[in-house]
Amino acid sequence: MTVQNNAGSGNTSPVAGEADWMMYRVIGVRHRDLDDASPVELGEHLRALDRRLIRERNKGLGRHWSYDLNRHIVLKTVRDMVAAYIEARRHGHGT
């Protein structure tokens, strides 16, 4: 998934705005700030998302009362966005 970020231009699509909001709420980083992040920081974000996703998945499998399918979906979506960004950056493609 490629997200175009046109912050400040008024041309931000609803999908890009929603993706940016999800990423900020989950990991505290906006999509446009990923360009400034070092590979180490990106790896840390990905590992933290993996841990949170595993924890949420385990709550779902155990039918825990605090399991939230929407939170699980958002975590997975943001994790996939960060992983795609890392992969694109590794291969030298812009986002």
PDB file of N, CA and C in Angstrom:
ATOM      1  N   MET A   1       0.850  -1.163   0.000  1.00  0.00           N
ATOM      2  CA  MET A   1       0.000   0.000   0.000  1.00  0.00           C
ATOM      3  C   MET A   1       0.894   1.224   0.000  1.00  0.00           C
ATOM      4  N   THR A   2       0.703   2.082  -0.956  1.00  0.00           N
ATOM      5  CA  THR A   2       1.453   3.322  -1.026  1.00  0.00           C
ATOM      6  C   THR A   2       0.534   4.450  -0.621  1.00  0.00           C
ATOM      7  N   VAL A   3       0.998   5.268   0.284  1.00  0.00           N
ATOM      8  CA  VAL A   3       0.197   6.385   0.756  1.00  0.00           C
ATOM      9  C   VAL A   3       0.887   7.664   0.345  1.00  0.00           C
ATOM     10  N   GLN A   4       0.199   8.460  -0.433  1.00  0.00           N
ATOM     11  CA  GLN A   4       0.714   9.773  -0.801  1.00  0.00           C
ATOM     12  C   GLN A   4       0.357  10.740   0.306  1.00  0.00           C
ATOM     13  N   ASN A   5       1.333  11.476   0.760  1.00  0.00           N
ATOM     14  CA  ASN A   5       1.056  12.440   1.812  1.00  0.00           C
ATOM     15  C   ASN A   5       1.228  13.833   1.254  1.00  0.00           C
ATOM     16  N   ASN A   6       0.141  14.550   1.187  1.00  0.00           N
ATOM     17  CA  ASN A   6       0.149  15.910   0.675  1.00  0.00           C
ATOM     18  C   ASN A   6      -0.220  16.881   1.779  1.00  0.00           C
ATOM     19  N   ALA A   7       0.338  16.677   2.943  1.00  0.00           N
ATOM     20  CA  ALA A   7      -0.011  17.497   4.103  1.00  0.00           C
ATOM     21  C   ALA A   7       0.233  18.960   3.797  1.00  0.00           C
ATOM     22  N   GLY A   8      -0.740  19.741   4.132  1.00  0.00           N
ATOM     23  CA  GLY A   8      -0.610  21.179   3.954  1.00  0.00           C
ATOM     24  C   GLY A   8      -1.058  21.672   2.593  1.00  0.00           C
ATOM     25  N   SER A   9      -1.229  20.760   1.621  1.00  0.00           N
ATOM     26  CA  SER A   9      -1.608  21.193   0.286  1.00  0.00           C
ATOM     27  C   SER A   9      -3.114  21.218   0.097  1.00  0.00           C
ATOM     28  N   GLY A  10      -3.844  20.604   1.006  1.00  0.00           N
ATOM     29  CA  GLY A  10      -5.281  20.551   0.867  1.00  0.00           C
ATOM     30  C   GLY A  10      -5.737  19.451  -0.067  1.00  0.00           C
ATOM     31  N   ASN A  11      -4.802  18.701  -0.643  1.00  0.00           N
ATOM     32  CA  ASN A  11      -5.127  17.641  -1.589  1.00  0.00           C
ATOM     33  C   ASN A  11      -5.028  16.256  -0.977  1.00  0.00           C
ATOM     34  N   THR A  12      -4.960  16.158   0.310  1.00  0.00           N
ATOM     35  CA  THR A  12      -4.816  14.865   0.966  1.00  0.00           C
ATOM     36  C   THR A  12      -6.088  14.064   0.773  1.00  0.00           C
ATOM     37  N   SER A  13      -5.939  12.859   0.225  1.00  0.00           N
ATOM     38  CA  SER A  13      -7.112  12.016   0.010  1.00  0.00           C
ATOM     39  C   SER A  13      -7.607  11.513   1.362  1.00  0.00           C
ATOM     40  N   PRO A  14      -8.888  11.157   1.437  1.00  0.00           N
ATOM     41  CA  PRO A  14      -9.402  10.616   2.697  1.00  0.00           C
ATOM     42  C   PRO A  14      -8.665   9.356   3.129  1.00  0.00           C
ATOM     43  N   VAL A  15      -8.257   8.516   2.168  1.00  0.00           N
ATOM     44  CA  VAL A  15      -7.553   7.278   2.513  1.00  0.00           C
ATOM     45  C   VAL A  15      -6.186   7.604   3.108  1.00  0.00           C
ATOM     46  N   ALA A  16      -5.455   8.525   2.485  1.00  0.00           N
ATOM     47  CA  ALA A  16      -4.133   8.896   3.005  1.00  0.00           C
ATOM     48  C   ALA A  16      -4.266   9.541   4.378  1.00  0.00           C
ATOM     49  N   GLY A  17      -5.262  10.378   4.560  1.00  0.00           N
ATOM     50  CA  GLY A  17      -5.472  11.014   5.851  1.00  0.00           C
ATOM     51  C   GLY A  17      -5.808  10.004   6.929  1.00  0.00           C
ATOM     52  N   GLU A  18      -6.628   9.019   6.587  1.00  0.00           N
ATOM     53  CA  GLU A  18      -7.005   7.972   7.533  1.00  0.00           C
ATOM     54  C   GLU A  18      -5.795   7.113   7.893  1.00  0.00           C
ATOM     55  N   ALA A  19      -4.977   6.776   6.897  1.00  0.00           N
ATOM     56  CA  ALA A  19      -3.781   5.972   7.144  1.00  0.00           C
ATOM     57  C   ALA A  19      -2.805   6.732   8.034  1.00  0.00           C
ATOM     58  N   ASP A  20      -2.633   8.013   7.769  1.00  0.00           N
ATOM     59  CA  ASP A  20      -1.736   8.837   8.569  1.00  0.00           C
ATOM     60  C   ASP A  20      -2.231   8.914  10.006  1.00  0.00           C
ATOM     61  N   TRP A  21      -3.541   9.077  10.180  1.00  0.00           N
ATOM     62  CA  TRP A  21      -4.121   9.152  11.522  1.00  0.00           C
ATOM     63  C   TRP A  21      -3.924   7.838  12.262  1.00  0.00           C
ATOM     64  N   MET A  22      -4.177   6.702  11.582  1.00  0.00           N
ATOM     65  CA  MET A  22      -4.008   5.394  12.221  1.00  0.00           C
ATOM     66  C   MET A  22      -2.566   5.206  12.673  1.00  0.00           C
ATOM     67  N   MET A  23      -1.633   5.534  11.791  1.00  0.00           N
ATOM     68  CA  MET A  23      -0.227   5.340  12.126  1.00  0.00           C
ATOM     69  C   MET A  23       0.168   6.221  13.309  1.00  0.00           C
ATOM     70  N   TYR A  24      -0.293   7.459  13.315  1.00  0.00           N
ATOM     71  CA  TYR A  24       0.043   8.362  14.410  1.00  0.00           C
ATOM     72  C   TYR A  24      -0.542   7.867  15.727  1.00  0.00           C
ATOM     73  N   ARG A  25      -1.785   7.391  15.698  1.00  0.00           N
ATOM     74  CA  ARG A  25      -2.431   6.906  16.923  1.00  0.00           C
ATOM     75  C   ARG A  25      -1.767   5.647  17.465  1.00  0.00           C
ATOM     76  N   VAL A  26      -1.263   4.796  16.579  1.00  0.00           N
ATOM     77  CA  VAL A  26      -0.714   3.511  17.018  1.00  0.00           C
ATOM     78  C   VAL A  26       0.751   3.622  17.412  1.00  0.00           C
ATOM     79  N   ILE A  27       1.579   4.278  16.592  1.00  0.00           N
ATOM     80  CA  ILE A  27       3.009   4.318  16.897  1.00  0.00           C
ATOM     81  C   ILE A  27       3.541   5.720  17.162  1.00  0.00           C
ATOM     82  N   GLY A  28       2.686   6.731  17.051  1.00  0.00           N
ATOM     83  CA  GLY A  28       3.108   8.081  17.370  1.00  0.00           C
ATOM     84  C   GLY A  28       3.963   8.755  16.306  1.00  0.00           C
ATOM     85  N   VAL A  29       3.927   8.220  15.091  1.00  0.00           N
ATOM     86  CA  VAL A  29       4.720   8.768  13.991  1.00  0.00           C
ATOM     87  C   VAL A  29       3.803   8.963  12.795  1.00  0.00           C
ATOM     88  N   ARG A  30       3.914  10.095  12.159  1.00  0.00           N
ATOM     89  CA  ARG A  30       3.144  10.340  10.940  1.00  0.00           C
ATOM     90  C   ARG A  30       3.868   9.698   9.757  1.00  0.00           C
ATOM     91  N   HIS A  31       3.097   9.353   8.735  1.00  0.00           N
ATOM     92  CA  HIS A  31       3.670   8.679   7.567  1.00  0.00           C
ATOM     93  C   HIS A  31       4.798   9.512   6.953  1.00  0.00           C
ATOM     94  N   ARG A  32       4.632  10.820   6.871  1.00  0.00           N
ATOM     95  CA  ARG A  32       5.667  11.672   6.262  1.00  0.00           C
ATOM     96  C   ARG A  32       6.963  11.672   7.085  1.00  0.00           C
ATOM     97  N   ASP A  33       6.871  11.340   8.378  1.00  0.00           N
ATOM     98  CA  ASP A  33       8.058  11.324   9.232  1.00  0.00           C
ATOM     99  C   ASP A  33       8.881  10.049   9.079  1.00  0.00           C
ATOM    100  N   LEU A  34       8.337   9.048   8.385  1.00  0.00           N
ATOM    101  CA  LEU A  34       9.091   7.816   8.187  1.00  0.00           C
ATOM    102  C   LEU A  34      10.331   8.064   7.331  1.00  0.00           C
ATOM    103  N   ASP A  35      10.282   9.066   6.447  1.00  0.00           N
ATOM    104  CA  ASP A  35      11.442   9.383   5.612  1.00  0.00           C
ATOM    105  C   ASP A  35      12.646   9.771   6.458  1.00  0.00           C
ATOM    106  N   ASP A  36      12.408  10.409   7.592  1.00  0.00           N
ATOM    107  CA  ASP A  36      13.498  10.870   8.452  1.00  0.00           C
ATOM    108  C   ASP A  36      13.968   9.800   9.440  1.00  0.00           C
ATOM    109  N   ALA A  37      13.224   8.710   9.535  1.00  0.00           N
ATOM    110  CA  ALA A  37      13.571   7.671  10.511  1.00  0.00           C
ATOM    111  C   ALA A  37      14.731   6.823   9.992  1.00  0.00           C
ATOM    112  N   SER A  38      15.617   6.457  10.901  1.00  0.00           N
ATOM    113  CA  SER A  38      16.742   5.591  10.538  1.00  0.00           C
ATOM    114  C   SER A  38      16.232   4.159  10.380  1.00  0.00           C
ATOM    115  N   PRO A  39      16.998   3.302   9.706  1.00  0.00           N
ATOM    116  CA  PRO A  39      16.599   1.898   9.593  1.00  0.00           C
ATOM    117  C   PRO A  39      16.408   1.230  10.961  1.00  0.00           C
ATOM    118  N   VAL A  40      17.213   1.633  11.928  1.00  0.00           N
ATOM    119  CA  VAL A  40      17.081   1.071  13.281  1.00  0.00           C
ATOM    120  C   VAL A  40      15.735   1.465  13.878  1.00  0.00           C
ATOM    121  N   GLU A  41      15.358   2.735  13.746  1.00  0.00           N
ATOM    122  CA  GLU A  41      14.071   3.203  14.281  1.00  0.00           C
ATOM    123  C   GLU A  41      12.904   2.495  13.595  1.00  0.00           C
ATOM    124  N   LEU A  42      13.005   2.328  12.281  1.00  0.00           N
ATOM    125  CA  LEU A  42      11.941   1.641  11.557  1.00  0.00           C
ATOM    126  C   LEU A  42      11.812   0.191  12.039  1.00  0.00           C
ATOM    127  N   GLY A  43      12.952  -0.457  12.256  1.00  0.00           N
ATOM    128  CA  GLY A  43      12.927  -1.825  12.779  1.00  0.00           C
ATOM    129  C   GLY A  43      12.313  -1.898  14.159  1.00  0.00           C
ATOM    130  N   GLU A  44      12.609  -0.906  15.000  1.00  0.00           N
ATOM    131  CA  GLU A  44      12.025  -0.868  16.344  1.00  0.00           C
ATOM    132  C   GLU A  44      10.514  -0.698  16.274  1.00  0.00           C
ATOM    133  N   HIS A  45      10.051   0.175  15.374  1.00  0.00           N
ATOM    134  CA  HIS A  45       8.604   0.358  15.207  1.00  0.00           C
ATOM    135  C   HIS A  45       7.953  -0.949  14.768  1.00  0.00           C
ATOM    136  N   LEU A  46       8.590  -1.640  13.824  1.00  0.00           N
ATOM    137  CA  LEU A  46       8.029  -2.880  13.322  1.00  0.00           C
ATOM    138  C   LEU A  46       7.990  -3.961  14.407  1.00  0.00           C
ATOM    139  N   ARG A  47       9.053  -4.064  15.183  1.00  0.00           N
ATOM    140  CA  ARG A  47       9.076  -5.065  16.275  1.00  0.00           C
ATOM    141  C   ARG A  47       8.025  -4.749  17.335  1.00  0.00           C
ATOM    142  N   ALA A  48       7.870  -3.473  17.661  1.00  0.00           N
ATOM    143  CA  ALA A  48       6.856  -3.092  18.653  1.00  0.00           C
ATOM    144  C   ALA A  48       5.453  -3.412  18.132  1.00  0.00           C
ATOM    145  N   LEU A  49       5.221  -3.147  16.852  1.00  0.00           N
ATOM    146  CA  LEU A  49       3.920  -3.477  16.269  1.00  0.00           C
ATOM    147  C   LEU A  49       3.694  -4.982  16.264  1.00  0.00           C
ATOM    148  N   ASP A  50       4.736  -5.747  15.955  1.00  0.00           N
ATOM    149  CA  ASP A  50       4.604  -7.207  15.984  1.00  0.00           C
ATOM    150  C   ASP A  50       4.223  -7.700  17.382  1.00  0.00           C
ATOM    151  N   ARG A  51       4.879  -7.150  18.407  1.00  0.00           N
ATOM    152  CA  ARG A  51       4.552  -7.568  19.784  1.00  0.00           C
ATOM    153  C   ARG A  51       3.117  -7.216  20.143  1.00  0.00           C
ATOM    154  N   ARG A  52       2.675  -6.002  19.785  1.00  0.00           N
ATOM    155  CA  ARG A  52       1.308  -5.590  20.098  1.00  0.00           C
ATOM    156  C   ARG A  52       0.289  -6.427  19.327  1.00  0.00           C
ATOM    157  N   LEU A  53       0.627  -6.753  18.085  1.00  0.00           N
ATOM    158  CA  LEU A  53      -0.283  -7.557  17.272  1.00  0.00           C
ATOM    159  C   LEU A  53      -0.402  -8.975  17.825  1.00  0.00           C
ATOM    160  N   ILE A  54       0.704  -9.558  18.235  1.00  0.00           N
ATOM    161  CA  ILE A  54       0.679 -10.898  18.843  1.00  0.00           C
ATOM    162  C   ILE A  54      -0.144 -10.876  20.130  1.00  0.00           C
ATOM    163  N   ARG A  55       0.054  -9.845  20.944  1.00  0.00           N
ATOM    164  CA  ARG A  55      -0.696  -9.731  22.196  1.00  0.00           C
ATOM    165  C   ARG A  55      -2.200  -9.631  21.916  1.00  0.00           C
ATOM    166  N   GLU A  56      -2.562  -8.822  20.922  1.00  0.00           N
ATOM    167  CA  GLU A  56      -3.979  -8.658  20.590  1.00  0.00           C
ATOM    168  C   GLU A  56      -4.546  -9.959  20.008  1.00  0.00           C
ATOM    169  N   ARG A  57      -3.777 -10.630  19.168  1.00  0.00           N
ATOM    170  CA  ARG A  57      -4.223 -11.892  18.585  1.00  0.00           C
ATOM    171  C   ARG A  57      -4.445 -12.940  19.673  1.00  0.00           C
ATOM    172  N   ASN A  58      -3.536 -12.999  20.635  1.00  0.00           N
ATOM    173  CA  ASN A  58      -3.687 -13.957  21.733  1.00  0.00           C
ATOM    174  C   ASN A  58      -4.926 -13.663  22.571  1.00  0.00           C
ATOM    175  N   LYS A  59      -5.228 -12.384  22.760  1.00  0.00           N
ATOM    176  CA  LYS A  59      -6.460 -12.045  23.495  1.00  0.00           C
ATOM    177  C   LYS A  59      -7.677 -12.541  22.729  1.00  0.00           C
ATOM    178  N   GLY A  60      -7.637 -12.411  21.406  1.00  0.00           N
ATOM    179  CA  GLY A  60      -8.757 -12.878  20.599  1.00  0.00           C
ATOM    180  C   GLY A  60      -8.906 -14.383  20.645  1.00  0.00           C
ATOM    181  N   LEU A  61      -7.788 -15.084  20.540  1.00  0.00           N
ATOM    182  CA  LEU A  61      -7.836 -16.543  20.573  1.00  0.00           C
ATOM    183  C   LEU A  61      -8.320 -17.054  21.932  1.00  0.00           C
ATOM    184  N   GLY A  62      -7.971 -16.337  22.988  1.00  0.00           N
ATOM    185  CA  GLY A  62      -8.404 -16.720  24.329  1.00  0.00           C
ATOM    186  C   GLY A  62      -9.776 -16.186  24.688  1.00  0.00           C
ATOM    187  N   ARG A  63     -10.431 -15.507  23.744  1.00  0.00           N
ATOM    188  CA  ARG A  63     -11.753 -14.905  23.964  1.00  0.00           C
ATOM    189  C   ARG A  63     -11.777 -14.003  25.199  1.00  0.00           C
ATOM    190  N   HIS A  64     -10.687 -13.229  25.337  1.00  0.00           N
ATOM    191  CA  HIS A  64     -10.596 -12.309  26.463  1.00  0.00           C
ATOM    192  C   HIS A  64     -11.605 -11.181  26.284  1.00  0.00           C
ATOM    193  N   TRP A  65     -12.158 -10.705  27.376  1.00  0.00           N
ATOM    194  CA  TRP A  65     -13.198  -9.681  27.311  1.00  0.00           C
ATOM    195  C   TRP A  65     -12.698  -8.371  26.710  1.00  0.00           C
ATOM    196  N   SER A  66     -11.403  -8.092  26.798  1.00  0.00           N
ATOM    197  CA  SER A  66     -10.901  -6.804  26.301  1.00  0.00           C
ATOM    198  C   SER A  66     -10.434  -6.860  24.849  1.00  0.00           C
ATOM    199  N   TYR A  67     -10.601  -8.018  24.181  1.00  0.00           N
ATOM    200  CA  TYR A  67     -10.214  -8.120  22.772  1.00  0.00           C
ATOM    201  C   TYR A  67     -11.084  -7.196  21.943  1.00  0.00           C
ATOM    202  N   ASP A  68     -10.447  -6.497  21.002  1.00  0.00           N
ATOM    203  CA  ASP A  68     -11.167  -5.563  20.131  1.00  0.00           C
ATOM    204  C   ASP A  68     -10.752  -5.836  18.692  1.00  0.00           C
ATOM    205  N   LEU A  69     -11.684  -6.312  17.882  1.00  0.00           N
ATOM    206  CA  LEU A  69     -11.396  -6.627  16.490  1.00  0.00           C
ATOM    207  C   LEU A  69     -10.933  -5.382  15.729  1.00  0.00           C
ATOM    208  N   ASN A  70     -11.528  -4.244  16.011  1.00  0.00           N
ATOM    209  CA  ASN A  70     -11.125  -3.016  15.322  1.00  0.00           C
ATOM    210  C   ASN A  70      -9.674  -2.654  15.643  1.00  0.00           C
ATOM    211  N   ARG A  71      -9.265  -2.805  16.891  1.00  0.00           N
ATOM    212  CA  ARG A  71      -7.879  -2.534  17.266  1.00  0.00           C
ATOM    213  C   ARG A  71      -6.938  -3.503  16.552  1.00  0.00           C
ATOM    214  N   HIS A  72      -7.362  -4.769  16.476  1.00  0.00           N
ATOM    215  CA  HIS A  72      -6.574  -5.790  15.788  1.00  0.00           C
ATOM    216  C   HIS A  72      -6.384  -5.416  14.312  1.00  0.00           C
ATOM    217  N   ILE A  73      -7.450  -4.966  13.663  1.00  0.00           N
ATOM    218  CA  ILE A  73      -7.386  -4.571  12.255  1.00  0.00           C
ATOM    219  C   ILE A  73      -6.465  -3.375  12.069  1.00  0.00           C
ATOM    220  N   VAL A  74      -6.571  -2.384  12.939  1.00  0.00           N
ATOM    221  CA  VAL A  74      -5.724  -1.193  12.830  1.00  0.00           C
ATOM    222  C   VAL A  74      -4.257  -1.556  13.047  1.00  0.00           C
ATOM    223  N   LEU A  75      -3.971  -2.378  14.043  1.00  0.00           N
ATOM    224  CA  LEU A  75      -2.590  -2.799  14.282  1.00  0.00           C
ATOM    225  C   LEU A  75      -2.021  -3.518  13.059  1.00  0.00           C
ATOM    226  N   LYS A  76      -2.799  -4.415  12.475  1.00  0.00           N
ATOM    227  CA  LYS A  76      -2.347  -5.164  11.303  1.00  0.00           C
ATOM    228  C   LYS A  76      -2.138  -4.229  10.113  1.00  0.00           C
ATOM    229  N   THR A  77      -3.038  -3.284   9.924  1.00  0.00           N
ATOM    230  CA  THR A  77      -2.931  -2.344   8.817  1.00  0.00           C
ATOM    231  C   THR A  77      -1.686  -1.483   8.949  1.00  0.00           C
ATOM    232  N   VAL A  78      -1.463  -0.929  10.130  1.00  0.00           N
ATOM    233  CA  VAL A  78      -0.295  -0.088  10.357  1.00  0.00           C
ATOM    234  C   VAL A  78       0.983  -0.905  10.247  1.00  0.00           C
ATOM    235  N   ARG A  79       0.974  -2.124  10.766  1.00  0.00           N
ATOM    236  CA  ARG A  79       2.150  -2.995  10.662  1.00  0.00           C
ATOM    237  C   ARG A  79       2.486  -3.260   9.197  1.00  0.00           C
ATOM    238  N   ASP A  80       1.459  -3.526   8.384  1.00  0.00           N
ATOM    239  CA  ASP A  80       1.680  -3.766   6.958  1.00  0.00           C
ATOM    240  C   ASP A  80       2.192  -2.518   6.248  1.00  0.00           C
ATOM    241  N   MET A  81       1.697  -1.336   6.641  1.00  0.00           N
ATOM    242  CA  MET A  81       2.165  -0.089   6.035  1.00  0.00           C
ATOM    243  C   MET A  81       3.644   0.150   6.345  1.00  0.00           C
ATOM    244  N   VAL A  82       4.041  -0.062   7.591  1.00  0.00           N
ATOM    245  CA  VAL A  82       5.441   0.138   7.975  1.00  0.00           C
ATOM    246  C   VAL A  82       6.327  -0.894   7.274  1.00  0.00           C
ATOM    247  N   ALA A  83       5.872  -2.149   7.214  1.00  0.00           N
ATOM    248  CA  ALA A  83       6.656  -3.190   6.537  1.00  0.00           C
ATOM    249  C   ALA A  83       6.814  -2.875   5.050  1.00  0.00           C
ATOM    250  N   ALA A  84       5.750  -2.402   4.408  1.00  0.00           N
ATOM    251  CA  ALA A  84       5.823  -2.035   2.991  1.00  0.00           C
ATOM    252  C   ALA A  84       6.770  -0.852   2.788  1.00  0.00           C
ATOM    253  N   TYR A  85       6.737   0.102   3.709  1.00  0.00           N
ATOM    254  CA  TYR A  85       7.632   1.254   3.612  1.00  0.00           C
ATOM    255  C   TYR A  85       9.088   0.801   3.736  1.00  0.00           C
ATOM    256  N   ILE A  86       9.368  -0.085   4.678  1.00  0.00           N
ATOM    257  CA  ILE A  86      10.734  -0.595   4.860  1.00  0.00           C
ATOM    258  C   ILE A  86      11.188  -1.331   3.602  1.00  0.00           C
ATOM    259  N   GLU A  87      10.312  -2.148   3.054  1.00  0.00           N
ATOM    260  CA  GLU A  87      10.654  -2.910   1.845  1.00  0.00           C
ATOM    261  C   GLU A  87      10.903  -1.974   0.658  1.00  0.00           C
ATOM    262  N   ALA A  88      10.054  -0.969   0.487  1.00  0.00           N
ATOM    263  CA  ALA A  88      10.245  -0.015  -0.606  1.00  0.00           C
ATOM    264  C   ALA A  88      11.547   0.759  -0.426  1.00  0.00           C
ATOM    265  N   ARG A  89      11.844   1.125   0.796  1.00  0.00           N
ATOM    266  CA  ARG A  89      13.068   1.869   1.077  1.00  0.00           C
ATOM    267  C   ARG A  89      14.298   0.992   0.832  1.00  0.00           C
ATOM    268  N   ARG A  90      14.188  -0.283   1.176  1.00  0.00           N
ATOM    269  CA  ARG A  90      15.288  -1.224   0.971  1.00  0.00           C
ATOM    270  C   ARG A  90      15.606  -1.366  -0.516  1.00  0.00           C
ATOM    271  N   HIS A  91      14.569  -1.325  -1.357  1.00  0.00           N
ATOM    272  CA  HIS A  91      14.760  -1.489  -2.795  1.00  0.00           C
ATOM    273  C   HIS A  91      14.936  -0.158  -3.507  1.00  0.00           C
ATOM    274  N   GLY A  92      14.977   0.935  -2.757  1.00  0.00           N
ATOM    275  CA  GLY A  92      15.257   2.243  -3.331  1.00  0.00           C
ATOM    276  C   GLY A  92      14.089   2.919  -4.012  1.00  0.00           C
ATOM    277  N   HIS A  93      12.884   2.449  -3.745  1.00  0.00           N
ATOM    278  CA  HIS A  93      11.704   3.082  -4.327  1.00  0.00           C
ATOM    279  C   HIS A  93      11.189   4.153  -3.388  1.00  0.00           C
ATOM    280  N   GLY A  94      10.707   5.231  -3.935  1.00  0.00           N
ATOM    281  CA  GLY A  94      10.100   6.279  -3.110  1.00  0.00           C
ATOM    282  C   GLY A  94       8.722   5.877  -2.676  1.00  0.00           C
ATOM    283  N   THR A  95       8.201   6.537  -1.642  1.00  0.00           N
ATOM    284  CA  THR A  95       6.842   6.239  -1.192  1.00  0.00           C
ATOM    285  C   THR A  95       5.926   7.354  -1.565  1.00  0.00           C
TER     286      THR A  95
END
